[in-house]
Amino acid sequence: MRDIVAPMYDQAYSALLEDLDQRGMLDSTLVSCLAEFGRTPKVNPAGGRDHWPQVSCALMAGGGMQTGQAIGATNRLGEYAAVRPVNMQEENIRRGRIVNAVMLDHPVTKLPPCFRHYIDDIGSDRSCLL
């Protein structure tokens, strides 16, 4: 992972951001990388890492959002949030921002029902995205 997958991902993600920026498209394009779970801080006996709901992360860039910041931190072993843990309401707001960023010109009522509860925490005021 550290020697093969991570360097390829880093190169691809940064190249995408640089390309969008050079083309003047980064402010109008939200690029996000997130998953439903974090991964265990330790490698399992099979050489992989299992789901770890105690800690997760997300990378977000562009889309006119405030960027260039790290929010929160884990303990030194990556086991739990030690600084500014995020609760489920905040997580739903983050997901709502992603959905809103994609659907800015569409009323919430046209969203599939499974996404509507993410928007409820934001309401119709989408200024928090800017």
N, C-alpha and C. Protein backbone atom coordinates (compact mmCIF):
# COMPACT_ATOMS: atom_id res chain seq x y z
N MET A 1 0.83 -1.19 0.00
CA MET A 1 0.00 0.00 0.00
C MET A 1 0.88 1.25 0.00
N ARG A 2 1.77 1.35 0.98
CA ARG A 2 2.59 2.55 1.14
C ARG A 2 3.52 2.78 -0.04
N ASP A 3 4.01 1.71 -0.62
CA ASP A 3 5.00 1.84 -1.68
C ASP A 3 4.42 1.81 -3.09
N ILE A 4 3.19 1.33 -3.25
CA ILE A 4 2.62 1.20 -4.60
C ILE A 4 1.35 2.03 -4.75
N VAL A 5 0.32 1.71 -3.97
CA VAL A 5 -0.99 2.35 -4.15
C VAL A 5 -0.96 3.83 -3.75
N ALA A 6 -0.43 4.13 -2.58
CA ALA A 6 -0.44 5.52 -2.10
C ALA A 6 0.30 6.47 -3.04
N PRO A 7 1.51 6.14 -3.52
CA PRO A 7 2.17 7.06 -4.45
C PRO A 7 1.40 7.26 -5.76
N MET A 8 0.77 6.19 -6.27
CA MET A 8 -0.03 6.34 -7.50
C MET A 8 -1.23 7.24 -7.25
N TYR A 9 -1.89 7.04 -6.11
CA TYR A 9 -3.04 7.87 -5.77
C TYR A 9 -2.61 9.32 -5.60
N ASP A 10 -1.55 9.56 -4.84
CA ASP A 10 -1.06 10.93 -4.62
C ASP A 10 -0.78 11.63 -5.94
N GLN A 11 -0.13 10.94 -6.85
CA GLN A 11 0.22 11.54 -8.14
C GLN A 11 -1.04 11.86 -8.94
N ALA A 12 -1.97 10.92 -8.97
CA ALA A 12 -3.20 11.13 -9.76
C ALA A 12 -4.06 12.25 -9.17
N TYR A 13 -4.24 12.25 -7.85
CA TYR A 13 -5.08 13.26 -7.20
C TYR A 13 -4.49 14.66 -7.38
N SER A 14 -3.20 14.78 -7.14
CA SER A 14 -2.57 16.10 -7.27
C SER A 14 -2.55 16.56 -8.72
N ALA A 15 -2.35 15.62 -9.66
CA ALA A 15 -2.37 15.98 -11.09
C ALA A 15 -3.75 16.48 -11.50
N LEU A 16 -4.80 15.83 -11.00
CA LEU A 16 -6.16 16.27 -11.31
C LEU A 16 -6.40 17.68 -10.79
N LEU A 17 -6.00 17.94 -9.54
CA LEU A 17 -6.19 19.27 -8.97
C LEU A 17 -5.40 20.33 -9.73
N GLU A 18 -4.16 20.02 -10.08
CA GLU A 18 -3.34 20.97 -10.84
C GLU A 18 -3.95 21.24 -12.21
N ASP A 19 -4.43 20.20 -12.88
CA ASP A 19 -5.04 20.37 -14.20
C ASP A 19 -6.29 21.23 -14.12
N LEU A 20 -7.16 20.93 -13.15
CA LEU A 20 -8.37 21.74 -12.99
C LEU A 20 -8.03 23.20 -12.68
N ASP A 21 -7.01 23.41 -11.85
CA ASP A 21 -6.60 24.76 -11.50
C ASP A 21 -6.06 25.50 -12.73
N GLN A 22 -5.21 24.85 -13.50
CA GLN A 22 -4.63 25.48 -14.69
C GLN A 22 -5.69 25.82 -15.72
N ARG A 23 -6.73 25.05 -15.79
CA ARG A 23 -7.82 25.29 -16.74
C ARG A 23 -8.87 26.26 -16.20
N GLY A 24 -8.67 26.72 -14.96
CA GLY A 24 -9.62 27.64 -14.35
C GLY A 24 -10.92 26.97 -13.94
N MET A 25 -10.90 25.68 -13.72
CA MET A 25 -12.11 24.92 -13.41
C MET A 25 -12.20 24.47 -11.95
N LEU A 26 -11.14 24.67 -11.17
CA LEU A 26 -11.12 24.12 -9.81
C LEU A 26 -12.18 24.76 -8.91
N ASP A 27 -12.39 26.06 -9.02
CA ASP A 27 -13.39 26.70 -8.16
C ASP A 27 -14.81 26.25 -8.44
N SER A 28 -15.06 25.75 -9.64
CA SER A 28 -16.42 25.30 -9.96
C SER A 28 -16.55 23.78 -9.96
N THR A 29 -15.49 23.08 -9.54
CA THR A 29 -15.51 21.61 -9.50
C THR A 29 -15.15 21.14 -8.10
N LEU A 30 -16.02 20.37 -7.48
CA LEU A 30 -15.74 19.81 -6.17
C LEU A 30 -15.09 18.44 -6.38
N VAL A 31 -13.90 18.26 -5.84
CA VAL A 31 -13.21 16.98 -5.91
C VAL A 31 -13.15 16.45 -4.49
N SER A 32 -13.73 15.29 -4.26
CA SER A 32 -13.72 14.74 -2.91
C SER A 32 -13.34 13.27 -2.94
N CYS A 33 -12.67 12.86 -1.90
CA CYS A 33 -12.30 11.46 -1.72
C CYS A 33 -12.63 11.09 -0.29
N LEU A 34 -13.58 10.19 -0.14
CA LEU A 34 -13.99 9.77 1.19
C LEU A 34 -14.56 8.37 1.11
N ALA A 35 -14.68 7.75 2.24
CA ALA A 35 -15.24 6.41 2.30
C ALA A 35 -16.21 6.33 3.49
N GLU A 36 -16.95 5.26 3.55
CA GLU A 36 -17.91 5.13 4.63
C GLU A 36 -17.25 4.72 5.94
N PHE A 37 -16.02 4.23 5.90
CA PHE A 37 -15.29 3.82 7.10
C PHE A 37 -13.84 4.20 6.97
N GLY A 38 -13.21 4.38 8.11
CA GLY A 38 -11.76 4.46 8.13
C GLY A 38 -11.22 3.04 8.12
N ARG A 39 -9.95 2.91 8.28
CA ARG A 39 -9.30 1.60 8.32
C ARG A 39 -8.57 1.43 9.64
N THR A 40 -8.48 0.18 10.10
CA THR A 40 -7.81 -0.09 11.36
C THR A 40 -6.41 0.47 11.36
N PRO A 41 -5.96 0.96 12.52
CA PRO A 41 -4.61 1.51 12.56
C PRO A 41 -3.52 0.45 12.44
N LYS A 42 -3.89 -0.80 12.61
CA LYS A 42 -2.89 -1.89 12.52
C LYS A 42 -3.27 -2.85 11.40
N VAL A 43 -2.27 -3.41 10.76
CA VAL A 43 -2.47 -4.40 9.70
C VAL A 43 -2.94 -5.71 10.32
N ASN A 44 -3.93 -6.35 9.70
CA ASN A 44 -4.44 -7.62 10.22
C ASN A 44 -3.52 -8.79 9.78
N PRO A 45 -3.74 -10.00 10.29
CA PRO A 45 -2.87 -11.13 9.95
C PRO A 45 -2.82 -11.46 8.45
N ALA A 46 -3.85 -11.07 7.71
CA ALA A 46 -3.86 -11.35 6.26
C ALA A 46 -3.13 -10.26 5.47
N GLY A 47 -2.61 -9.26 6.16
CA GLY A 47 -1.87 -8.20 5.49
C GLY A 47 -2.71 -7.02 5.05
N GLY A 48 -3.98 -6.99 5.45
CA GLY A 48 -4.86 -5.88 5.09
C GLY A 48 -5.29 -5.10 6.32
N ARG A 49 -6.22 -4.20 6.10
CA ARG A 49 -6.76 -3.41 7.22
C ARG A 49 -8.27 -3.46 7.14
N ASP A 50 -8.89 -3.68 8.26
CA ASP A 50 -10.34 -3.84 8.35
C ASP A 50 -11.04 -2.50 8.52
N HIS A 51 -12.39 -2.53 8.46
CA HIS A 51 -13.17 -1.32 8.71
C HIS A 51 -12.91 -0.83 10.13
N TRP A 52 -12.90 0.51 10.28
CA TRP A 52 -12.63 1.12 11.57
C TRP A 52 -13.50 2.37 11.68
N PRO A 53 -14.72 2.24 12.22
CA PRO A 53 -15.62 3.40 12.25
C PRO A 53 -15.22 4.50 13.22
N GLN A 54 -14.27 4.23 14.12
CA GLN A 54 -13.89 5.25 15.10
C GLN A 54 -13.18 6.44 14.46
N VAL A 55 -12.51 6.23 13.34
CA VAL A 55 -11.75 7.31 12.70
C VAL A 55 -11.88 7.16 11.19
N SER A 56 -12.06 8.28 10.51
CA SER A 56 -12.10 8.29 9.06
C SER A 56 -11.54 9.63 8.60
N CYS A 57 -11.37 9.78 7.32
CA CYS A 57 -10.89 11.06 6.81
C CYS A 57 -11.54 11.33 5.46
N ALA A 58 -11.44 12.56 5.03
CA ALA A 58 -11.95 12.96 3.73
C ALA A 58 -11.03 14.03 3.16
N LEU A 59 -10.78 13.95 1.88
CA LEU A 59 -10.05 15.00 1.17
C LEU A 59 -11.05 15.73 0.30
N MET A 60 -11.07 17.04 0.40
CA MET A 60 -11.96 17.83 -0.42
C MET A 60 -11.19 19.02 -0.97
N ALA A 61 -11.42 19.31 -2.23
CA ALA A 61 -10.73 20.42 -2.88
C ALA A 61 -11.65 21.08 -3.88
N GLY A 62 -11.42 22.37 -4.12
CA GLY A 62 -12.18 23.09 -5.13
C GLY A 62 -13.61 23.35 -4.72
N GLY A 63 -14.46 23.50 -5.71
CA GLY A 63 -15.87 23.71 -5.47
C GLY A 63 -16.20 25.01 -4.77
N GLY A 64 -15.25 25.93 -4.72
CA GLY A 64 -15.49 27.19 -4.04
C GLY A 64 -15.50 27.08 -2.53
N MET A 65 -15.12 25.91 -2.00
CA MET A 65 -15.12 25.70 -0.55
C MET A 65 -13.83 26.23 0.06
N GLN A 66 -13.87 26.47 1.37
CA GLN A 66 -12.65 26.82 2.09
C GLN A 66 -11.77 25.57 2.10
N THR A 67 -10.56 25.70 1.64
CA THR A 67 -9.67 24.54 1.55
C THR A 67 -8.35 24.86 2.24
N GLY A 68 -7.43 23.92 2.20
CA GLY A 68 -6.12 24.11 2.79
C GLY A 68 -6.12 24.01 4.30
N GLN A 69 -7.00 23.20 4.84
CA GLN A 69 -7.07 23.08 6.28
C GLN A 69 -7.22 21.62 6.69
N ALA A 70 -6.68 21.31 7.82
CA ALA A 70 -6.89 20.00 8.43
C ALA A 70 -7.77 20.24 9.64
N ILE A 71 -8.84 19.48 9.76
CA ILE A 71 -9.78 19.66 10.86
C ILE A 71 -9.75 18.39 11.70
N GLY A 72 -9.28 18.51 12.91
CA GLY A 72 -9.21 17.37 13.81
C GLY A 72 -7.91 16.61 13.69
N ALA A 73 -7.72 15.67 14.61
CA ALA A 73 -6.53 14.82 14.62
C ALA A 73 -6.82 13.59 15.47
N THR A 74 -6.07 12.53 15.21
CA THR A 74 -6.19 11.31 16.01
C THR A 74 -5.11 11.30 17.08
N ASN A 75 -5.19 10.30 17.95
CA ASN A 75 -4.07 10.07 18.86
C ASN A 75 -2.89 9.58 17.99
N ARG A 76 -1.73 9.43 18.56
CA ARG A 76 -0.54 9.12 17.75
C ARG A 76 -0.61 7.77 17.06
N LEU A 77 -1.47 6.87 17.52
CA LEU A 77 -1.59 5.56 16.89
C LEU A 77 -2.74 5.49 15.88
N GLY A 78 -3.49 6.58 15.73
CA GLY A 78 -4.61 6.60 14.79
C GLY A 78 -5.81 5.78 15.24
N GLU A 79 -5.96 5.62 16.55
CA GLU A 79 -7.02 4.77 17.08
C GLU A 79 -8.35 5.48 17.27
N TYR A 80 -8.31 6.76 17.62
CA TYR A 80 -9.53 7.51 17.90
C TYR A 80 -9.26 9.00 17.70
N ALA A 81 -10.34 9.75 17.56
CA ALA A 81 -10.22 11.20 17.39
C ALA A 81 -9.81 11.83 18.71
N ALA A 82 -8.68 12.51 18.71
CA ALA A 82 -8.19 13.15 19.91
C ALA A 82 -8.47 14.65 19.91
N VAL A 83 -8.59 15.23 18.74
CA VAL A 83 -8.85 16.66 18.60
C VAL A 83 -10.05 16.84 17.68
N ARG A 84 -11.04 17.56 18.14
CA ARG A 84 -12.24 17.90 17.38
C ARG A 84 -12.91 16.72 16.69
N PRO A 85 -13.43 15.77 17.46
CA PRO A 85 -14.17 14.67 16.85
C PRO A 85 -15.40 15.20 16.12
N VAL A 86 -15.80 14.53 15.07
CA VAL A 86 -16.96 14.92 14.26
C VAL A 86 -18.11 13.98 14.60
N ASN A 87 -19.26 14.56 14.95
CA ASN A 87 -20.42 13.72 15.25
C ASN A 87 -21.22 13.46 13.97
N MET A 88 -22.26 12.64 14.07
CA MET A 88 -23.02 12.26 12.87
C MET A 88 -23.73 13.45 12.24
N GLN A 89 -24.17 14.43 13.02
CA GLN A 89 -24.83 15.59 12.43
C GLN A 89 -23.85 16.34 11.54
N GLU A 90 -22.61 16.52 12.00
CA GLU A 90 -21.60 17.18 11.17
C GLU A 90 -21.28 16.35 9.93
N GLU A 91 -21.24 15.04 10.09
CA GLU A 91 -20.99 14.16 8.95
C GLU A 91 -22.10 14.29 7.93
N ASN A 92 -23.34 14.35 8.39
CA ASN A 92 -24.46 14.53 7.46
C ASN A 92 -24.39 15.88 6.76
N ILE A 93 -23.93 16.91 7.47
CA ILE A 93 -23.78 18.22 6.84
C ILE A 93 -22.72 18.15 5.75
N ARG A 94 -21.61 17.46 6.02
CA ARG A 94 -20.56 17.32 5.01
C ARG A 94 -21.11 16.60 3.78
N ARG A 95 -21.84 15.53 4.00
CA ARG A 95 -22.42 14.81 2.87
C ARG A 95 -23.43 15.68 2.14
N GLY A 96 -24.20 16.45 2.90
CA GLY A 96 -25.15 17.37 2.29
C GLY A 96 -24.46 18.42 1.43
N ARG A 97 -23.30 18.90 1.88
CA ARG A 97 -22.55 19.87 1.09
C ARG A 97 -22.10 19.26 -0.23
N ILE A 98 -21.70 18.02 -0.19
CA ILE A 98 -21.28 17.37 -1.44
C ILE A 98 -22.47 17.23 -2.37
N VAL A 99 -23.59 16.75 -1.83
CA VAL A 99 -24.79 16.60 -2.66
C VAL A 99 -25.23 17.96 -3.18
N ASN A 100 -25.23 18.99 -2.32
CA ASN A 100 -25.63 20.33 -2.73
C ASN A 100 -24.70 20.88 -3.80
N ALA A 101 -23.40 20.63 -3.66
CA ALA A 101 -22.45 21.14 -4.64
C ALA A 101 -22.73 20.57 -6.03
N VAL A 102 -23.19 19.35 -6.06
CA VAL A 102 -23.50 18.71 -7.33
C VAL A 102 -24.87 19.15 -7.83
N MET A 103 -25.77 19.47 -6.93
CA MET A 103 -27.16 19.74 -7.29
C MET A 103 -27.57 21.19 -7.08
N LEU A 104 -26.66 22.15 -7.19
CA LEU A 104 -26.98 23.54 -6.86
C LEU A 104 -28.17 24.10 -7.63
N ASP A 105 -28.36 23.67 -8.85
CA ASP A 105 -29.45 24.21 -9.66
C ASP A 105 -30.72 23.39 -9.57
N HIS A 106 -30.76 22.44 -8.68
CA HIS A 106 -31.92 21.57 -8.58
C HIS A 106 -32.56 21.71 -7.20
N PRO A 107 -33.89 21.78 -7.14
CA PRO A 107 -34.53 21.84 -5.83
C PRO A 107 -34.32 20.54 -5.07
N VAL A 108 -34.29 20.64 -3.77
CA VAL A 108 -34.07 19.46 -2.93
C VAL A 108 -35.11 18.38 -3.21
N THR A 109 -36.32 18.79 -3.57
CA THR A 109 -37.38 17.81 -3.79
C THR A 109 -37.08 16.89 -4.96
N LYS A 110 -36.15 17.26 -5.84
CA LYS A 110 -35.81 16.39 -6.95
C LYS A 110 -34.69 15.41 -6.60
N LEU A 111 -34.14 15.53 -5.40
CA LEU A 111 -33.12 14.58 -4.97
C LEU A 111 -33.77 13.24 -4.66
N PRO A 112 -33.04 12.15 -4.87
CA PRO A 112 -33.58 10.86 -4.42
C PRO A 112 -33.81 10.91 -2.91
N PRO A 113 -34.84 10.24 -2.41
CA PRO A 113 -35.16 10.30 -0.98
C PRO A 113 -33.98 9.95 -0.07
N CYS A 114 -33.10 9.05 -0.51
CA CYS A 114 -31.98 8.65 0.36
C CYS A 114 -31.01 9.79 0.61
N PHE A 115 -31.03 10.87 -0.20
CA PHE A 115 -30.13 12.00 0.01
C PHE A 115 -30.80 13.16 0.72
N ARG A 116 -32.11 13.18 0.79
CA ARG A 116 -32.81 14.35 1.33
C ARG A 116 -32.47 14.63 2.79
N HIS A 117 -32.26 13.59 3.60
CA HIS A 117 -31.98 13.85 5.02
C HIS A 117 -30.62 14.52 5.21
N TYR A 118 -29.70 14.38 4.25
CA TYR A 118 -28.44 15.10 4.36
C TYR A 118 -28.65 16.60 4.21
N ILE A 119 -29.60 16.97 3.40
CA ILE A 119 -29.87 18.37 3.12
C ILE A 119 -30.63 19.02 4.28
N ASP A 120 -31.40 18.24 5.03
CA ASP A 120 -32.21 18.79 6.10
C ASP A 120 -31.39 19.61 7.09
N ASP A 121 -30.15 19.20 7.35
CA ASP A 121 -29.31 19.93 8.29
C ASP A 121 -28.85 21.27 7.74
N ILE A 122 -28.88 21.44 6.42
CA ILE A 122 -28.44 22.68 5.79
C ILE A 122 -29.64 23.56 5.44
N GLY A 123 -30.73 22.94 5.04
CA GLY A 123 -31.90 23.69 4.62
C GLY A 123 -31.69 24.26 3.23
N SER A 124 -32.47 25.25 2.89
CA SER A 124 -32.38 25.81 1.53
C SER A 124 -31.25 26.81 1.40
N ASP A 125 -30.64 27.24 2.51
CA ASP A 125 -29.54 28.19 2.44
C ASP A 125 -28.26 27.46 2.06
N ARG A 126 -27.80 27.67 0.87
CA ARG A 126 -26.61 26.98 0.38
C ARG A 126 -25.36 27.84 0.47
N SER A 127 -25.45 28.97 1.18
CA SER A 127 -24.30 29.87 1.28
C SER A 127 -23.15 29.23 2.03
N CYS A 128 -23.41 28.21 2.84
CA CYS A 128 -22.33 27.55 3.58
C CYS A 128 -21.37 26.84 2.64
N LEU A 129 -21.75 26.66 1.40
CA LEU A 129 -20.88 26.00 0.43
C LEU A 129 -19.84 26.97 -0.14
N LEU A 130 -20.11 28.26 -0.03
CA LEU A 130 -19.26 29.23 -0.71
C LEU A 130 -18.20 29.81 0.19
